[in-house]
C-alpha atoms as a PDB file:
ATOM      1  CA  MET A   1       9.937 -38.939 -10.157  1.00  0.00           C
ATOM      2  CA  ASN A   2      10.447 -35.390  -9.148  1.00  0.00           C
ATOM      3  CA  VAL A   3       7.801 -33.718  -7.206  1.00  0.00           C
ATOM      4  CA  VAL A   4       7.473 -29.931  -7.968  1.00  0.00           C
ATOM      5  CA  PRO A   5       6.603 -27.914  -4.876  1.00  0.00           C
ATOM      6  CA  ALA A   6       3.323 -25.958  -5.354  1.00  0.00           C
ATOM      7  CA  MET A   7       2.024 -22.754  -3.879  1.00  0.00           C
ATOM      8  CA  TYR A   8      -1.452 -21.312  -3.498  1.00  0.00           C
ATOM      9  CA  ARG A   9      -1.936 -17.626  -4.135  1.00  0.00           C
ATOM     10  CA  VAL A  10      -4.777 -15.129  -3.514  1.00  0.00           C
ATOM     11  CA  SER A  11      -5.093 -11.554  -4.214  1.00  0.00           C
ATOM     12  CA  LYS A  12      -7.402  -8.952  -2.766  1.00  0.00           C
ATOM     13  CA  SER A  13      -7.920  -5.489  -4.240  1.00  0.00           C
ATOM     14  CA  VAL A  14      -8.827  -2.556  -2.198  1.00  0.00           C
ATOM     15  CA  ALA A  15      -9.545   1.115  -3.468  1.00  0.00           C
ATOM     16  CA  PHE A  16      -8.775   4.351  -1.671  1.00  0.00           C
ATOM     17  CA  CYS A  17      -7.892   7.971  -2.204  1.00  0.00           C
ATOM     18  CA  TYR A  18      -4.744   9.986  -1.290  1.00  0.00           C
ATOM     19  CA  GLY A  19      -3.027  13.026  -1.930  1.00  0.00           C
ATOM     20  CA  HIS A  20       0.901  13.699  -2.053  1.00  0.00           C
ATOM     21  CA  ARG A  21       3.683  15.546  -3.799  1.00  0.00           C
ATOM     22  CA  LEU A  22       7.315  14.552  -4.391  1.00  0.00           C
ATOM     23  CA  LEU A  23      10.180  16.619  -3.155  1.00  0.00           C
ATOM     24  CA  ASN A  24      13.026  17.332  -5.442  1.00  0.00           C
ATOM     25  CA  TYR A  25      11.098  16.224  -8.410  1.00  0.00           C
ATOM     26  CA  GLN A  26      11.010  18.115 -11.828  1.00  0.00           C
ATOM     27  CA  GLY A  27       7.450  17.714 -13.117  1.00  0.00           C
ATOM     28  CA  LYS A  28       3.871  17.904 -12.159  1.00  0.00           C
ATOM     29  CA  CYS A  29       4.258  15.476  -9.244  1.00  0.00           C
ATOM     30  CA  ALA A  30       6.150  18.202  -7.485  1.00  0.00           C
ATOM     31  CA  HIS A  31       2.784  19.850  -6.846  1.00  0.00           C
ATOM     32  CA  LEU A  32       0.022  18.675  -4.438  1.00  0.00           C
ATOM     33  CA  HIS A  33      -2.219  16.480  -6.133  1.00  0.00           C
ATOM     34  CA  GLY A  34      -4.478  13.373  -5.485  1.00  0.00           C
ATOM     35  CA  HIS A  35      -5.025   9.870  -6.768  1.00  0.00           C
ATOM     36  CA  ASN A  36      -7.726   7.361  -6.640  1.00  0.00           C
ATOM     37  CA  ALA A  37      -5.627   4.327  -6.004  1.00  0.00           C
ATOM     38  CA  ARG A  38      -6.101   0.566  -5.924  1.00  0.00           C
ATOM     39  CA  ALA A  39      -3.837  -1.702  -3.962  1.00  0.00           C
ATOM     40  CA  VAL A  40      -3.634  -5.308  -4.835  1.00  0.00           C
ATOM     41  CA  ILE A  41      -2.475  -7.496  -1.895  1.00  0.00           C
ATOM     42  CA  THR A  42      -1.161 -10.952  -2.738  1.00  0.00           C
ATOM     43  CA  LEU A  43      -0.850 -13.815  -0.194  1.00  0.00           C
ATOM     44  CA  GLU A  44       0.943 -17.151  -0.822  1.00  0.00           C
ATOM     45  CA  SER A  45       1.042 -20.306   1.080  1.00  0.00           C
ATOM     46  CA  GLU A  46       2.102 -23.983   0.492  1.00  0.00           C
ATOM     47  CA  GLN A  47      -0.961 -25.065   2.717  1.00  0.00           C
ATOM     48  CA  LEU A  48      -4.462 -24.350   2.700  1.00  0.00           C
ATOM     49  CA  ASP A  49      -6.413 -23.861   5.953  1.00  0.00           C
ATOM     50  CA  ALA A  50      -9.105 -26.220   7.292  1.00  0.00           C
ATOM     51  CA  LEU A  51     -11.667 -24.391   4.909  1.00  0.00           C
ATOM     52  CA  GLY A  52      -9.484 -24.771   1.914  1.00  0.00           C
ATOM     53  CA  MET A  53      -8.177 -21.309   1.909  1.00  0.00           C
ATOM     54  CA  VAL A  54      -4.876 -19.359   1.879  1.00  0.00           C
ATOM     55  CA  GLU A  55      -6.883 -16.618   3.824  1.00  0.00           C
ATOM     56  CA  ASP A  56     -10.491 -15.487   3.765  1.00  0.00           C
ATOM     57  CA  PHE A  57     -10.792 -12.492   1.318  1.00  0.00           C
ATOM     58  CA  SER A  58     -12.971 -10.676   3.752  1.00  0.00           C
ATOM     59  CA  HIS A  59     -10.234 -11.008   6.567  1.00  0.00           C
ATOM     60  CA  VAL A  60      -7.748  -9.376   4.201  1.00  0.00           C
ATOM     61  CA  LYS A  61     -10.105  -6.654   3.233  1.00  0.00           C
ATOM     62  CA  GLN A  62     -11.006  -5.905   6.920  1.00  0.00           C
ATOM     63  CA  LEU A  63      -7.290  -5.840   7.991  1.00  0.00           C
ATOM     64  CA  VAL A  64      -6.184  -3.698   4.911  1.00  0.00           C
ATOM     65  CA  TRP A  65      -9.156  -1.296   4.896  1.00  0.00           C
ATOM     66  CA  ALA A  66      -9.162  -0.513   8.541  1.00  0.00           C
ATOM     67  CA  TRP A  67      -5.491   0.408   8.298  1.00  0.00           C
ATOM     68  CA  LEU A  68      -5.949   2.268   5.037  1.00  0.00           C
ATOM     69  CA  ASP A  69      -8.832   4.044   6.375  1.00  0.00           C
ATOM     70  CA  ALA A  70      -6.944   5.314   9.548  1.00  0.00           C
ATOM     71  CA  GLU A  71      -3.625   6.004   8.013  1.00  0.00           C
ATOM     72  CA  ILE A  72      -3.852   6.991   4.253  1.00  0.00           C
ATOM     73  CA  ASP A  73      -7.400   7.152   2.787  1.00  0.00           C
ATOM     74  CA  HIS A  74      -8.154  10.926   2.118  1.00  0.00           C
ATOM     75  CA  THR A  75      -4.777  11.821   3.671  1.00  0.00           C
ATOM     76  CA  LEU A  76      -2.021  13.936   2.272  1.00  0.00           C
ATOM     77  CA  LEU A  77       1.323  11.894   2.494  1.00  0.00           C
ATOM     78  CA  LEU A  78       4.210  14.283   2.768  1.00  0.00           C
ATOM     79  CA  HIS A  79       7.863  13.904   3.419  1.00  0.00           C
ATOM     80  CA  ARG A  80       8.892  15.345   6.887  1.00  0.00           C
ATOM     81  CA  ASP A  81      11.022  17.956   5.167  1.00  0.00           C
ATOM     82  CA  ASP A  82       8.174  19.319   3.047  1.00  0.00           C
ATOM     83  CA  PRO A  83       7.967  23.058   3.493  1.00  0.00           C
ATOM     84  CA  VAL A  84       4.135  23.076   3.332  1.00  0.00           C
ATOM     85  CA  LEU A  85       3.872  20.521   6.167  1.00  0.00           C
ATOM     86  CA  PRO A  86       3.577  23.047   9.109  1.00  0.00           C
ATOM     87  CA  VAL A  87       1.070  25.146   7.194  1.00  0.00           C
ATOM     88  CA  LEU A  88      -1.313  22.167   6.357  1.00  0.00           C
ATOM     89  CA  GLN A  89      -0.920  20.874  10.099  1.00  0.00           C
ATOM     90  CA  ALA A  90      -1.790  24.187  11.462  1.00  0.00           C
ATOM     91  CA  ALA A  91      -4.830  24.223   9.283  1.00  0.00           C
ATOM     92  CA  GLY A  92      -6.024  20.947  10.703  1.00  0.00           C
ATOM     93  CA  GLU A  93      -5.549  18.925   7.424  1.00  0.00           C
ATOM     94  CA  ARG A  94      -5.224  15.245   7.541  1.00  0.00           C
ATOM     95  CA  VAL A  95      -1.388  14.779   6.936  1.00  0.00           C
ATOM     96  CA  ARG A  96       0.727  11.450   7.333  1.00  0.00           C
ATOM     97  CA  VAL A  97       4.405  12.396   7.652  1.00  0.00           C
ATOM     98  CA  THR A  98       6.845  10.046   6.057  1.00  0.00           C
ATOM     99  CA  ASP A  99      10.789   9.701   6.131  1.00  0.00           C
ATOM    100  CA  PHE A 100      10.747   9.078   2.520  1.00  0.00           C
ATOM    101  CA  ASN A 101       9.346  10.651  -0.663  1.00  0.00           C
ATOM    102  CA  PRO A 102       5.766   9.246  -0.916  1.00  0.00           C
ATOM    103  CA  THR A 103       6.053   7.537  -4.170  1.00  0.00           C
ATOM    104  CA  ALA A 104       3.934   4.823  -5.344  1.00  0.00           C
ATOM    105  CA  GLU A 105       6.747   2.253  -4.830  1.00  0.00           C
ATOM    106  CA  ASN A 106       7.034   3.480  -1.064  1.00  0.00           C
ATOM    107  CA  ILE A 107       3.283   3.379  -0.605  1.00  0.00           C
ATOM    108  CA  ALA A 108       3.172  -0.118  -1.869  1.00  0.00           C
ATOM    109  CA  ARG A 109       5.898  -0.911   0.747  1.00  0.00           C
ATOM    110  CA  MET A 110       4.070   0.719   3.610  1.00  0.00           C
ATOM    111  CA  ILE A 111       1.034  -1.458   2.823  1.00  0.00           C
ATOM    112  CA  PHE A 112       3.284  -4.632   2.481  1.00  0.00           C
ATOM    113  CA  ASP A 113       4.916  -3.819   5.925  1.00  0.00           C
ATOM    114  CA  HIS A 114       1.547  -3.404   7.596  1.00  0.00           C
ATOM    115  CA  VAL A 115       0.170  -6.719   6.222  1.00  0.00           C
ATOM    116  CA  ALA A 116       3.399  -8.609   7.055  1.00  0.00           C
ATOM    117  CA  ALA A 117       3.457  -7.224  10.562  1.00  0.00           C
ATOM    118  CA  GLU A 118      -0.177  -8.657  11.180  1.00  0.00           C
ATOM    119  CA  GLY A 119       1.268 -12.129  10.335  1.00  0.00           C
ATOM    120  CA  TYR A 120      -0.205 -12.544   6.973  1.00  0.00           C
ATOM    121  CA  PRO A 121       1.780 -14.499   4.299  1.00  0.00           C
ATOM    122  CA  VAL A 122       2.048 -11.519   1.890  1.00  0.00           C
ATOM    123  CA  VAL A 123       4.487 -11.789  -1.107  1.00  0.00           C
ATOM    124  CA  ASP A 124       3.457  -8.830  -3.082  1.00  0.00           C
ATOM    125  CA  VAL A 125       1.595  -5.420  -3.021  1.00  0.00           C
ATOM    126  CA  THR A 126       0.876  -3.601  -6.209  1.00  0.00           C
ATOM    127  CA  LEU A 127      -0.268   0.079  -5.988  1.00  0.00           C
ATOM    128  CA  TRP A 128      -2.076   1.301  -9.052  1.00  0.00           C
ATOM    129  CA  GLU A 129      -1.760   4.915  -8.863  1.00  0.00           C
ATOM    130  CA  THR A 130      -3.639   5.591 -12.018  1.00  0.00           C
ATOM    131  CA  GLU A 131      -5.375   3.260 -14.484  1.00  0.00           C
ATOM    132  CA  THR A 132      -2.175   2.956 -16.402  1.00  0.00           C
ATOM    133  CA  SER A 133       0.635   3.131 -13.768  1.00  0.00           C
ATOM    134  CA  TYR A 134       1.446   1.024 -10.983  1.00  0.00           C
ATOM    135  CA  ALA A 135       4.277   0.034  -8.653  1.00  0.00           C
ATOM    136  CA  SER A 136       4.961  -3.164  -6.754  1.00  0.00           C
ATOM    137  CA  TYR A 137       6.914  -4.144  -3.780  1.00  0.00           C
ATOM    138  CA  ARG A 138       7.780  -7.683  -2.886  1.00  0.00           C
ATOM    139  CA  ARG A 139      10.610  -9.199  -0.785  1.00  0.00           C
ATOM    140  CA  VAL A 140      12.889 -11.780  -2.383  1.00  0.00           C
ATOM    141  CA  ASP A 141      14.251 -14.465  -0.243  1.00  0.00           C
END
């Protein structure tokens, strides 16, 4: 009899707001605008902890929310070459400078990388930029 390996998976959703614009883009997203976003962080494990969990949902929320609050929530995400960046910084606006276009795909990866760096078994982050549009980032082994 073949034993099929099993995995446990849990997901936590966290809502936040951010602003951005895309450089070298032809369309509305070339202009400064904002989103009420939702990130869904998915963790996976073959084993459960002593309480029978992959991870406590409240731990995931605290980890992700603390970082989002400090780095992204109510913040403009702008590429380092954005010509409006010096003006906004001089005006004291909350800006996070990136080395990449701050697309939904790249923001999902930012969140993924933070959760992974904290030692959590993250397998996927999906960023809902609007109610009908989302991007995901996952690593493939």
